[in-house]
């Protein structure tokens, strides 16, 4: 399995890009969220990767952050969602935005993303709701200058991991308000709100 690549960016034609790693050119498909942060051709880059092996092809997918890759892998576990839909989803919404949609059970925002129909959006809400706890760290951005995680999304994932239901977590975080706090502050205030109930 190829977990990551560090090399020189030699071509980018969305959704494809090519990275030269010691003389070997790796072709990857990447979401637009990754393309937005790419340096000019010739610059050194580091990408997290995921290899999909099919009967007719082996496709390497590249991501600017570990958060994107973790969400991509989580999406592949949803029935009816393949790499193409997962890549389209990551191109149309940020990791934090997706977590907020799951948290708020907002299928309307998901349907606005090209390639996501009403049934797929509903399936994502149902199946990903149970996996948000496993993606608790998915809001953390890694090794990309200028990228920052959402404290609200991280707190949401942590509370779900503690066993709270997503709808309950949404209510607790609203009660915890003061969204400028750190993840720890948000979790502490949400747990205090839960204790008062």
N, C-alpha and C. Protein backbone atom coordinates (compact mmCIF):
# COMPACT_ATOMS: atom_id res chain seq x y z
N UNK A 1 0.85 -1.19 0.00
CA UNK A 1 0.00 0.00 0.00
C UNK A 1 0.88 1.24 0.00
N UNK A 2 0.54 2.21 -0.80
CA UNK A 2 1.27 3.47 -0.85
C UNK A 2 0.54 4.45 0.05
N UNK A 3 1.16 4.85 1.15
CA UNK A 3 0.50 5.70 2.14
C UNK A 3 0.65 7.18 1.90
N UNK A 4 1.79 7.58 1.31
CA UNK A 4 2.00 9.00 1.01
C UNK A 4 3.11 9.12 -0.02
N UNK A 5 3.16 10.29 -0.66
CA UNK A 5 4.20 10.58 -1.63
C UNK A 5 4.79 11.94 -1.33
N UNK A 6 6.11 12.04 -1.45
CA UNK A 6 6.78 13.34 -1.36
C UNK A 6 7.65 13.44 -2.61
N UNK A 7 7.41 14.48 -3.38
CA UNK A 7 8.18 14.63 -4.61
C UNK A 7 7.89 15.96 -5.26
N UNK A 8 8.22 16.05 -6.55
CA UNK A 8 8.09 17.29 -7.29
C UNK A 8 6.84 17.22 -8.16
N UNK A 9 6.00 18.22 -8.07
CA UNK A 9 4.78 18.30 -8.88
C UNK A 9 5.18 18.63 -10.31
N UNK A 10 4.82 17.73 -11.25
CA UNK A 10 5.23 17.99 -12.64
C UNK A 10 4.06 18.26 -13.57
N UNK A 11 2.84 17.92 -13.17
CA UNK A 11 1.67 18.22 -14.01
C UNK A 11 0.42 18.23 -13.17
N UNK A 12 -0.50 19.15 -13.51
CA UNK A 12 -1.80 19.17 -12.83
C UNK A 12 -2.88 19.57 -13.82
N UNK A 13 -3.80 18.63 -14.02
CA UNK A 13 -4.95 18.81 -14.90
C UNK A 13 -6.14 18.19 -14.17
N UNK A 14 -6.87 18.98 -13.39
CA UNK A 14 -7.93 18.43 -12.53
C UNK A 14 -8.81 17.42 -13.25
N UNK A 15 -9.10 16.27 -12.62
CA UNK A 15 -8.71 15.89 -11.26
C UNK A 15 -7.37 15.17 -11.18
N UNK A 16 -6.61 15.12 -12.29
CA UNK A 16 -5.36 14.35 -12.30
C UNK A 16 -4.15 15.24 -12.03
N UNK A 17 -3.17 14.65 -11.37
CA UNK A 17 -1.89 15.32 -11.19
C UNK A 17 -0.79 14.28 -11.23
N UNK A 18 0.42 14.72 -11.52
CA UNK A 18 1.56 13.80 -11.60
C UNK A 18 2.66 14.32 -10.68
N UNK A 19 3.18 13.41 -9.87
CA UNK A 19 4.25 13.75 -8.92
C UNK A 19 5.47 12.90 -9.24
N UNK A 20 6.61 13.54 -9.45
CA UNK A 20 7.87 12.84 -9.71
C UNK A 20 8.53 12.54 -8.38
N UNK A 21 8.68 11.25 -8.08
CA UNK A 21 9.34 10.81 -6.85
C UNK A 21 10.60 10.05 -7.26
N UNK A 22 11.74 10.72 -7.17
CA UNK A 22 13.03 10.12 -7.54
C UNK A 22 13.01 9.49 -8.93
N UNK A 23 12.45 10.21 -9.88
CA UNK A 23 12.46 9.73 -11.27
C UNK A 23 11.27 8.90 -11.68
N UNK A 24 10.40 8.56 -10.74
CA UNK A 24 9.19 7.80 -11.07
C UNK A 24 8.00 8.74 -10.99
N UNK A 25 7.24 8.85 -12.07
CA UNK A 25 6.08 9.74 -12.11
C UNK A 25 4.82 9.01 -11.67
N UNK A 26 4.26 9.43 -10.55
CA UNK A 26 3.02 8.84 -10.04
C UNK A 26 1.84 9.68 -10.50
N UNK A 27 0.87 9.04 -11.16
CA UNK A 27 -0.36 9.73 -11.55
C UNK A 27 -1.39 9.52 -10.45
N UNK A 28 -2.00 10.61 -10.02
CA UNK A 28 -3.01 10.55 -8.96
C UNK A 28 -4.24 11.32 -9.37
N UNK A 29 -5.38 10.93 -8.81
CA UNK A 29 -6.59 11.73 -8.90
C UNK A 29 -6.77 12.39 -7.54
N UNK A 30 -7.18 13.65 -7.54
CA UNK A 30 -7.30 14.38 -6.28
C UNK A 30 -8.55 15.25 -6.30
N UNK A 31 -9.14 15.50 -5.13
CA UNK A 31 -10.31 16.39 -5.07
C UNK A 31 -9.87 17.84 -5.30
N UNK A 32 -10.83 18.68 -5.65
CA UNK A 32 -10.52 20.09 -5.90
C UNK A 32 -9.99 20.78 -4.63
N UNK A 33 -10.40 20.31 -3.47
CA UNK A 33 -9.91 20.89 -2.22
C UNK A 33 -8.39 20.76 -2.12
N UNK A 34 -7.85 19.69 -2.69
CA UNK A 34 -6.40 19.51 -2.73
C UNK A 34 -5.78 20.40 -3.80
N UNK A 35 -6.44 20.48 -4.95
CA UNK A 35 -5.92 21.31 -6.04
C UNK A 35 -5.79 22.77 -5.65
N UNK A 36 -6.73 23.27 -4.85
CA UNK A 36 -6.69 24.67 -4.45
C UNK A 36 -5.40 25.03 -3.72
N UNK A 37 -4.81 24.06 -3.01
CA UNK A 37 -3.61 24.33 -2.21
C UNK A 37 -2.31 23.90 -2.89
N UNK A 38 -2.38 23.44 -4.14
CA UNK A 38 -1.17 22.97 -4.81
C UNK A 38 -0.26 24.14 -5.18
N UNK A 39 1.05 23.93 -5.01
CA UNK A 39 2.01 24.96 -5.43
C UNK A 39 2.17 24.89 -6.96
N UNK A 40 2.95 25.78 -7.55
CA UNK A 40 3.17 25.72 -9.00
C UNK A 40 3.97 24.47 -9.39
N UNK A 41 3.89 24.09 -10.66
CA UNK A 41 4.67 22.95 -11.16
C UNK A 41 6.14 23.15 -10.85
N UNK A 42 6.80 22.06 -10.48
CA UNK A 42 8.22 22.11 -10.14
C UNK A 42 8.48 22.19 -8.65
N UNK A 43 7.46 22.56 -7.87
CA UNK A 43 7.63 22.67 -6.41
C UNK A 43 7.50 21.29 -5.76
N UNK A 44 8.09 21.16 -4.58
CA UNK A 44 7.98 19.90 -3.84
C UNK A 44 6.66 19.87 -3.09
N UNK A 45 6.02 18.71 -3.10
CA UNK A 45 4.75 18.55 -2.37
C UNK A 45 4.75 17.23 -1.60
N UNK A 46 3.86 17.16 -0.64
CA UNK A 46 3.63 15.94 0.12
C UNK A 46 2.14 15.66 0.10
N UNK A 47 1.77 14.46 -0.34
CA UNK A 47 0.36 14.09 -0.41
C UNK A 47 0.12 12.78 0.33
N UNK A 48 -1.01 12.70 1.03
CA UNK A 48 -1.47 11.44 1.60
C UNK A 48 -2.18 10.70 0.48
N UNK A 49 -2.06 9.39 0.43
CA UNK A 49 -2.62 8.65 -0.71
C UNK A 49 -3.48 7.48 -0.28
N UNK A 50 -4.32 7.06 -1.22
CA UNK A 50 -5.14 5.86 -1.04
C UNK A 50 -5.18 5.14 -2.38
N UNK A 51 -4.85 3.86 -2.39
CA UNK A 51 -4.82 3.06 -3.61
C UNK A 51 -6.08 2.22 -3.72
N UNK A 52 -6.77 2.35 -4.86
CA UNK A 52 -7.97 1.55 -5.13
C UNK A 52 -7.62 0.57 -6.24
N UNK A 53 -7.77 -0.72 -5.95
CA UNK A 53 -7.46 -1.77 -6.93
C UNK A 53 -8.78 -2.36 -7.42
N UNK A 54 -8.97 -2.27 -8.76
CA UNK A 54 -10.15 -2.86 -9.38
C UNK A 54 -9.68 -3.89 -10.40
N UNK A 55 -10.62 -4.61 -11.00
CA UNK A 55 -10.26 -5.60 -12.01
C UNK A 55 -9.55 -4.96 -13.19
N UNK A 56 -10.02 -3.78 -13.58
CA UNK A 56 -9.50 -3.15 -14.80
C UNK A 56 -8.50 -2.03 -14.56
N UNK A 57 -8.24 -1.67 -13.31
CA UNK A 57 -7.32 -0.54 -13.06
C UNK A 57 -6.86 -0.49 -11.61
N UNK A 58 -5.74 0.18 -11.42
CA UNK A 58 -5.26 0.52 -10.08
C UNK A 58 -5.16 2.04 -10.07
N UNK A 59 -5.96 2.69 -9.21
CA UNK A 59 -6.02 4.15 -9.20
C UNK A 59 -5.51 4.66 -7.86
N UNK A 60 -4.58 5.61 -7.94
CA UNK A 60 -4.01 6.21 -6.74
C UNK A 60 -4.68 7.57 -6.54
N UNK A 61 -5.21 7.80 -5.35
CA UNK A 61 -5.87 9.07 -5.02
C UNK A 61 -4.97 9.84 -4.06
N UNK A 62 -4.87 11.15 -4.26
CA UNK A 62 -4.01 11.98 -3.43
C UNK A 62 -4.80 13.04 -2.68
N UNK A 63 -4.36 13.35 -1.46
CA UNK A 63 -5.06 14.30 -0.60
C UNK A 63 -4.05 15.21 0.10
N UNK A 64 -4.39 16.49 0.21
CA UNK A 64 -3.51 17.45 0.86
C UNK A 64 -3.42 17.21 2.36
N UNK A 65 -4.48 16.65 2.95
CA UNK A 65 -4.50 16.45 4.41
C UNK A 65 -4.92 15.04 4.76
N UNK A 66 -4.51 14.63 5.94
CA UNK A 66 -4.94 13.33 6.47
C UNK A 66 -6.45 13.32 6.69
N UNK A 67 -7.01 14.48 7.03
CA UNK A 67 -8.45 14.59 7.26
C UNK A 67 -9.23 14.23 6.00
N UNK A 68 -8.78 14.74 4.86
CA UNK A 68 -9.46 14.42 3.59
C UNK A 68 -9.38 12.94 3.30
N UNK A 69 -8.20 12.35 3.50
CA UNK A 69 -8.05 10.92 3.21
C UNK A 69 -8.93 10.08 4.13
N UNK A 70 -8.98 10.43 5.40
CA UNK A 70 -9.80 9.66 6.34
C UNK A 70 -11.28 9.73 5.96
N UNK A 71 -11.73 10.92 5.56
CA UNK A 71 -13.12 11.04 5.15
C UNK A 71 -13.38 10.27 3.87
N UNK A 72 -12.45 10.33 2.92
CA UNK A 72 -12.57 9.57 1.66
C UNK A 72 -12.73 8.09 1.97
N UNK A 73 -11.89 7.58 2.85
CA UNK A 73 -11.96 6.15 3.21
C UNK A 73 -13.29 5.82 3.90
N UNK A 74 -13.76 6.75 4.74
CA UNK A 74 -15.06 6.53 5.39
C UNK A 74 -16.19 6.51 4.39
N UNK A 75 -16.12 7.39 3.39
CA UNK A 75 -17.17 7.45 2.37
C UNK A 75 -17.22 6.18 1.53
N UNK A 76 -16.05 5.58 1.28
CA UNK A 76 -16.01 4.36 0.47
C UNK A 76 -16.74 3.20 1.14
N UNK A 77 -16.92 3.27 2.45
CA UNK A 77 -17.61 2.21 3.18
C UNK A 77 -19.13 2.34 3.11
N UNK A 78 -19.62 3.47 2.58
CA UNK A 78 -21.06 3.68 2.44
C UNK A 78 -21.54 2.95 1.20
N UNK A 79 -22.60 2.14 1.33
CA UNK A 79 -23.09 1.39 0.18
C UNK A 79 -23.52 2.33 -0.94
N UNK A 80 -23.08 2.00 -2.14
CA UNK A 80 -23.42 2.81 -3.30
C UNK A 80 -22.51 4.00 -3.55
N UNK A 81 -21.51 4.20 -2.68
CA UNK A 81 -20.56 5.31 -2.87
C UNK A 81 -19.21 4.73 -3.26
N UNK A 82 -18.78 5.07 -4.47
CA UNK A 82 -17.48 4.64 -4.96
C UNK A 82 -16.50 5.79 -4.93
N UNK A 83 -15.28 5.54 -5.41
CA UNK A 83 -14.26 6.59 -5.40
C UNK A 83 -14.66 7.85 -6.17
N UNK A 84 -15.37 7.69 -7.28
CA UNK A 84 -15.75 8.86 -8.09
C UNK A 84 -16.70 9.78 -7.30
N UNK A 85 -17.70 9.19 -6.64
CA UNK A 85 -18.65 9.99 -5.85
C UNK A 85 -17.94 10.60 -4.64
N UNK A 86 -17.07 9.82 -3.99
CA UNK A 86 -16.35 10.31 -2.82
C UNK A 86 -15.45 11.49 -3.21
N UNK A 87 -14.78 11.38 -4.35
CA UNK A 87 -13.92 12.47 -4.83
C UNK A 87 -14.75 13.71 -5.15
N UNK A 88 -15.91 13.49 -5.79
CA UNK A 88 -16.80 14.61 -6.10
C UNK A 88 -17.30 15.29 -4.84
N UNK A 89 -17.60 14.50 -3.82
CA UNK A 89 -18.09 15.05 -2.55
C UNK A 89 -17.02 15.92 -1.90
N UNK A 90 -15.78 15.40 -1.86
CA UNK A 90 -14.68 16.17 -1.27
C UNK A 90 -14.35 17.41 -2.09
N UNK A 91 -14.67 17.38 -3.39
CA UNK A 91 -14.44 18.56 -4.24
C UNK A 91 -15.50 19.62 -4.00
N UNK A 92 -16.69 19.20 -3.54
CA UNK A 92 -17.80 20.13 -3.38
C UNK A 92 -18.03 20.65 -1.98
N UNK A 93 -17.37 20.05 -0.98
CA UNK A 93 -17.60 20.47 0.40
C UNK A 93 -16.35 20.17 1.22
N UNK A 94 -16.06 21.02 2.19
CA UNK A 94 -14.90 20.79 3.05
C UNK A 94 -15.20 19.66 4.03
N UNK A 95 -14.15 19.14 4.64
CA UNK A 95 -14.32 18.08 5.63
C UNK A 95 -15.21 18.57 6.77
N UNK A 96 -14.92 19.80 7.24
CA UNK A 96 -15.71 20.35 8.34
C UNK A 96 -17.15 20.59 7.91
N UNK A 97 -17.33 21.06 6.68
CA UNK A 97 -18.68 21.29 6.15
C UNK A 97 -19.47 20.00 6.08
N UNK A 98 -18.80 18.92 5.67
CA UNK A 98 -19.48 17.63 5.59
C UNK A 98 -19.89 17.16 6.99
N UNK A 99 -18.99 17.29 7.95
CA UNK A 99 -19.31 16.88 9.32
C UNK A 99 -20.49 17.69 9.87
N UNK A 100 -20.53 18.99 9.53
CA UNK A 100 -21.66 19.81 9.98
C UNK A 100 -22.96 19.33 9.34
N UNK A 101 -22.92 18.92 8.06
CA UNK A 101 -24.12 18.40 7.39
C UNK A 101 -24.63 17.14 8.10
N UNK A 102 -23.70 16.26 8.46
CA UNK A 102 -24.08 15.02 9.16
C UNK A 102 -24.67 15.38 10.52
N UNK A 103 -23.99 16.27 11.21
CA UNK A 103 -24.41 16.71 12.54
C UNK A 103 -25.82 17.31 12.51
N UNK A 104 -26.10 18.13 11.49
CA UNK A 104 -27.39 18.81 11.41
C UNK A 104 -28.42 18.03 10.57
N UNK A 105 -28.00 16.86 10.09
CA UNK A 105 -28.85 16.04 9.22
C UNK A 105 -29.37 16.87 8.04
N UNK A 106 -28.45 17.58 7.40
CA UNK A 106 -28.75 18.52 6.33
C UNK A 106 -28.52 17.89 4.96
N UNK A 107 -29.52 17.17 4.45
CA UNK A 107 -29.39 16.53 3.15
C UNK A 107 -29.46 17.54 2.01
N UNK A 108 -30.13 18.68 2.23
CA UNK A 108 -30.25 19.68 1.18
C UNK A 108 -28.89 20.21 0.72
N UNK A 109 -27.99 20.44 1.65
CA UNK A 109 -26.65 20.92 1.28
C UNK A 109 -25.89 19.86 0.50
N UNK A 110 -26.07 18.59 0.87
CA UNK A 110 -25.37 17.52 0.16
C UNK A 110 -25.89 17.37 -1.26
N UNK A 111 -27.21 17.54 -1.45
CA UNK A 111 -27.82 17.37 -2.77
C UNK A 111 -27.30 18.45 -3.74
N UNK A 112 -26.88 19.58 -3.23
CA UNK A 112 -26.36 20.65 -4.09
C UNK A 112 -25.01 20.30 -4.72
N UNK A 113 -24.34 19.28 -4.19
CA UNK A 113 -23.03 18.87 -4.72
C UNK A 113 -23.27 18.03 -5.97
N UNK A 114 -22.60 18.36 -7.08
CA UNK A 114 -22.80 17.59 -8.32
C UNK A 114 -22.54 16.10 -8.11
N UNK A 115 -23.44 15.28 -8.62
CA UNK A 115 -23.30 13.83 -8.52
C UNK A 115 -23.96 13.22 -7.29
N UNK A 116 -24.46 14.06 -6.38
CA UNK A 116 -25.11 13.56 -5.17
C UNK A 116 -26.61 13.78 -5.30
N UNK A 117 -27.35 12.68 -5.43
CA UNK A 117 -28.81 12.76 -5.51
C UNK A 117 -29.43 12.66 -4.13
N UNK A 118 -30.74 12.79 -4.07
CA UNK A 118 -31.46 12.75 -2.80
C UNK A 118 -31.24 11.42 -2.06
N UNK A 119 -31.33 10.30 -2.79
CA UNK A 119 -31.17 8.99 -2.13
C UNK A 119 -29.76 8.82 -1.58
N UNK A 120 -28.77 9.24 -2.36
CA UNK A 120 -27.38 9.13 -1.90
C UNK A 120 -27.16 10.01 -0.67
N UNK A 121 -27.71 11.21 -0.70
CA UNK A 121 -27.57 12.13 0.44
C UNK A 121 -28.18 11.52 1.70
N UNK A 122 -29.38 10.95 1.57
CA UNK A 122 -30.04 10.32 2.73
C UNK A 122 -29.22 9.14 3.24
N UNK A 123 -28.67 8.35 2.31
CA UNK A 123 -27.85 7.20 2.71
C UNK A 123 -26.60 7.68 3.44
N UNK A 124 -25.99 8.76 2.95
CA UNK A 124 -24.80 9.31 3.61
C UNK A 124 -25.12 9.75 5.03
N UNK A 125 -26.26 10.43 5.20
CA UNK A 125 -26.64 10.89 6.54
C UNK A 125 -26.83 9.72 7.50
N UNK A 126 -27.48 8.67 7.01
CA UNK A 126 -27.75 7.52 7.87
C UNK A 126 -26.48 6.75 8.20
N UNK A 127 -25.70 6.41 7.16
CA UNK A 127 -24.54 5.55 7.38
C UNK A 127 -23.34 6.29 7.98
N UNK A 128 -23.15 7.55 7.63
CA UNK A 128 -22.01 8.28 8.17
C UNK A 128 -22.26 8.76 9.60
N UNK A 129 -23.53 8.90 9.98
CA UNK A 129 -23.85 9.33 11.35
C UNK A 129 -23.21 8.39 12.36
N UNK A 130 -23.24 7.08 12.06
CA UNK A 130 -22.67 6.09 12.98
C UNK A 130 -21.15 6.05 12.92
N UNK A 131 -20.58 6.62 11.86
CA UNK A 131 -19.13 6.56 11.69
C UNK A 131 -18.43 7.85 12.11
N UNK A 132 -19.19 8.86 12.47
CA UNK A 132 -18.58 10.15 12.83
C UNK A 132 -17.62 9.97 14.00
N UNK A 133 -17.97 9.11 14.94
CA UNK A 133 -17.07 8.86 16.08
C UNK A 133 -15.73 8.32 15.63
N UNK A 134 -15.73 7.46 14.60
CA UNK A 134 -14.48 6.92 14.07
C UNK A 134 -13.69 7.98 13.31
N UNK A 135 -14.38 9.02 12.87
CA UNK A 135 -13.73 10.09 12.13
C UNK A 135 -13.48 11.29 13.03
N UNK A 136 -13.50 11.07 14.33
CA UNK A 136 -13.42 12.19 15.28
C UNK A 136 -12.24 13.10 14.99
N UNK A 137 -11.12 12.54 14.57
CA UNK A 137 -9.95 13.37 14.29
C UNK A 137 -9.94 13.92 12.88
N UNK A 138 -11.01 13.65 12.11
CA UNK A 138 -11.00 14.02 10.70
C UNK A 138 -11.01 15.53 10.50
N UNK A 139 -11.41 16.26 11.51
CA UNK A 139 -11.38 17.72 11.39
C UNK A 139 -9.98 18.29 11.55
N UNK A 140 -9.03 17.46 11.97
CA UNK A 140 -7.67 17.95 12.16
C UNK A 140 -6.96 17.97 10.82
N UNK A 141 -6.44 19.11 10.45
CA UNK A 141 -5.70 19.22 9.20
C UNK A 141 -4.25 18.89 9.51
N UNK A 142 -3.55 18.30 8.54
CA UNK A 142 -2.17 17.92 8.78
C UNK A 142 -1.26 18.37 7.66
N UNK A 143 -0.13 18.96 8.02
CA UNK A 143 0.97 19.26 7.13
C UNK A 143 0.62 20.12 5.93
N UNK A 144 -0.37 20.96 6.03
CA UNK A 144 -0.66 21.89 4.95
C UNK A 144 -0.67 23.29 5.53
N UNK A 145 0.28 24.12 5.13
CA UNK A 145 0.32 25.48 5.67
C UNK A 145 -1.00 26.20 5.41
N UNK A 146 -1.47 26.91 6.39
CA UNK A 146 -2.68 27.71 6.21
C UNK A 146 -3.97 26.94 6.45
N UNK A 147 -3.91 25.61 6.58
CA UNK A 147 -5.13 24.85 6.79
C UNK A 147 -5.40 24.74 8.28
N UNK A 148 -6.64 24.90 8.68
CA UNK A 148 -6.95 24.81 10.10
C UNK A 148 -8.20 23.99 10.29
N UNK A 149 -8.26 23.21 11.38
CA UNK A 149 -9.41 22.37 11.65
C UNK A 149 -10.50 23.17 12.33
N UNK A 150 -11.69 22.64 12.33
CA UNK A 150 -12.80 23.30 12.98
C UNK A 150 -12.96 22.74 14.38
N UNK A 151 -12.84 23.59 15.39
CA UNK A 151 -12.98 23.16 16.78
C UNK A 151 -14.37 22.57 16.99
N UNK A 152 -15.37 23.17 16.35
CA UNK A 152 -16.75 22.69 16.48
C UNK A 152 -16.88 21.26 15.95
N UNK A 153 -16.30 20.99 14.77
CA UNK A 153 -16.38 19.66 14.16
C UNK A 153 -15.63 18.63 15.01
N UNK A 154 -14.47 19.03 15.56
CA UNK A 154 -13.71 18.12 16.40
C UNK A 154 -14.46 17.80 17.69
N UNK A 155 -15.06 18.82 18.28
CA UNK A 155 -15.83 18.61 19.51
C UNK A 155 -17.02 17.69 19.22
N UNK A 156 -17.66 17.91 18.07
CA UNK A 156 -18.79 17.06 17.69
C UNK A 156 -18.35 15.60 17.61
N UNK A 157 -17.24 15.35 16.90
CA UNK A 157 -16.74 13.98 16.75
C UNK A 157 -16.37 13.36 18.08
N UNK A 158 -15.75 14.15 18.95
CA UNK A 158 -15.34 13.63 20.25
C UNK A 158 -16.55 13.25 21.10
N UNK A 159 -17.59 14.08 21.08
CA UNK A 159 -18.79 13.79 21.88
C UNK A 159 -19.52 12.56 21.35
N UNK A 160 -19.55 12.40 20.01
CA UNK A 160 -20.17 11.20 19.44
C UNK A 160 -19.36 9.97 19.86
N UNK A 161 -18.02 10.11 19.85
CA UNK A 161 -17.16 9.00 20.28
C UNK A 161 -17.40 8.63 21.74
N UNK A 162 -17.85 9.62 22.54
CA UNK A 162 -18.16 9.35 23.95
C UNK A 162 -19.52 8.65 24.12
N UNK A 163 -20.26 8.51 23.01
CA UNK A 163 -21.52 7.78 23.08
C UNK A 163 -22.78 8.61 22.93
N UNK A 164 -22.64 9.92 22.79
CA UNK A 164 -23.82 10.77 22.59
C UNK A 164 -24.32 10.63 21.16
N UNK A 165 -25.62 10.71 20.98
CA UNK A 165 -26.22 10.64 19.64
C UNK A 165 -26.00 11.99 18.93
N UNK A 166 -25.80 11.96 17.58
CA UNK A 166 -25.52 13.20 16.85
C UNK A 166 -26.52 14.33 17.11
N UNK A 167 -27.81 14.01 17.15
CA UNK A 167 -28.81 15.06 17.39
C UNK A 167 -28.63 15.67 18.79
N UNK A 168 -28.30 14.80 19.76
CA UNK A 168 -28.07 15.26 21.13
C UNK A 168 -26.81 16.14 21.20
N UNK A 169 -25.77 15.74 20.46
CA UNK A 169 -24.53 16.50 20.43
C UNK A 169 -24.79 17.90 19.85
N UNK A 170 -25.58 17.96 18.79
CA UNK A 170 -25.92 19.25 18.18
C UNK A 170 -26.57 20.16 19.22
N UNK A 171 -27.51 19.61 19.97
CA UNK A 171 -28.20 20.39 21.01
C UNK A 171 -27.22 20.83 22.10
N UNK A 172 -26.34 19.92 22.52
CA UNK A 172 -25.38 20.25 23.58
C UNK A 172 -24.39 21.33 23.14
N UNK A 173 -23.95 21.25 21.88
CA UNK A 173 -23.00 22.24 21.39
C UNK A 173 -23.67 23.61 21.24
N UNK A 174 -24.95 23.61 20.88
CA UNK A 174 -25.68 24.88 20.82
C UNK A 174 -25.80 25.47 22.23
N UNK A 175 -26.06 24.61 23.20
CA UNK A 175 -26.16 25.06 24.59
C UNK A 175 -24.80 25.55 25.09
N UNK A 176 -23.72 24.96 24.56
CA UNK A 176 -22.37 25.33 24.99
C UNK A 176 -21.92 26.64 24.37
N UNK A 177 -22.62 27.10 23.38
CA UNK A 177 -22.30 28.28 22.57
C UNK A 177 -20.97 28.93 22.92
N UNK A 178 -20.65 30.01 22.27
CA UNK A 178 -19.33 30.63 22.43
C UNK A 178 -18.34 29.91 21.56
N UNK A 179 -18.64 29.88 20.25
CA UNK A 179 -17.91 29.04 19.30
C UNK A 179 -16.45 29.41 19.10
N UNK A 180 -15.97 30.47 19.80
CA UNK A 180 -14.57 30.86 19.62
C UNK A 180 -13.62 30.04 20.50
N UNK A 181 -14.15 29.21 21.37
CA UNK A 181 -13.31 28.46 22.30
C UNK A 181 -12.53 27.34 21.63
N UNK A 182 -11.63 26.75 22.41
CA UNK A 182 -10.87 25.60 21.91
C UNK A 182 -11.77 24.37 21.93
N UNK A 183 -11.27 23.29 21.34
CA UNK A 183 -12.03 22.03 21.34
C UNK A 183 -12.34 21.61 22.77
N UNK A 184 -11.33 21.71 23.64
CA UNK A 184 -11.52 21.30 25.04
C UNK A 184 -12.59 22.14 25.73
N UNK A 185 -12.57 23.46 25.44
CA UNK A 185 -13.58 24.34 26.04
C UNK A 185 -14.98 23.95 25.58
N UNK A 186 -15.12 23.70 24.28
CA UNK A 186 -16.44 23.32 23.75
C UNK A 186 -16.93 22.03 24.38
N UNK A 187 -16.05 21.04 24.47
CA UNK A 187 -16.43 19.74 25.05
C UNK A 187 -16.80 19.92 26.52
N UNK A 188 -15.99 20.68 27.26
CA UNK A 188 -16.26 20.91 28.68
C UNK A 188 -17.63 21.56 28.87
N UNK A 189 -17.92 22.63 28.07
CA UNK A 189 -19.20 23.31 28.21
C UNK A 189 -20.36 22.42 27.79
N UNK A 190 -20.15 21.59 26.76
CA UNK A 190 -21.21 20.67 26.32
C UNK A 190 -21.50 19.63 27.39
N UNK A 191 -20.46 19.11 28.03
CA UNK A 191 -20.65 18.11 29.09
C UNK A 191 -21.31 18.74 30.32
N UNK A 192 -20.98 20.01 30.59
CA UNK A 192 -21.65 20.71 31.69
C UNK A 192 -23.14 20.89 31.38
N UNK A 193 -23.44 21.18 30.11
CA UNK A 193 -24.84 21.33 29.69
C UNK A 193 -25.58 20.00 29.80
N UNK A 194 -24.87 18.90 29.50
CA UNK A 194 -25.48 17.57 29.60
C UNK A 194 -25.76 17.22 31.06
N UNK A 195 -24.84 17.62 31.94
CA UNK A 195 -25.00 17.33 33.37
C UNK A 195 -26.20 18.08 33.98
N UNK A 196 -26.52 19.26 33.43
CA UNK A 196 -27.65 20.03 33.93
C UNK A 196 -28.99 19.42 33.53
N UNK A 197 -28.99 18.65 32.42
CA UNK A 197 -30.25 18.04 31.93
C UNK A 197 -30.80 16.99 32.88
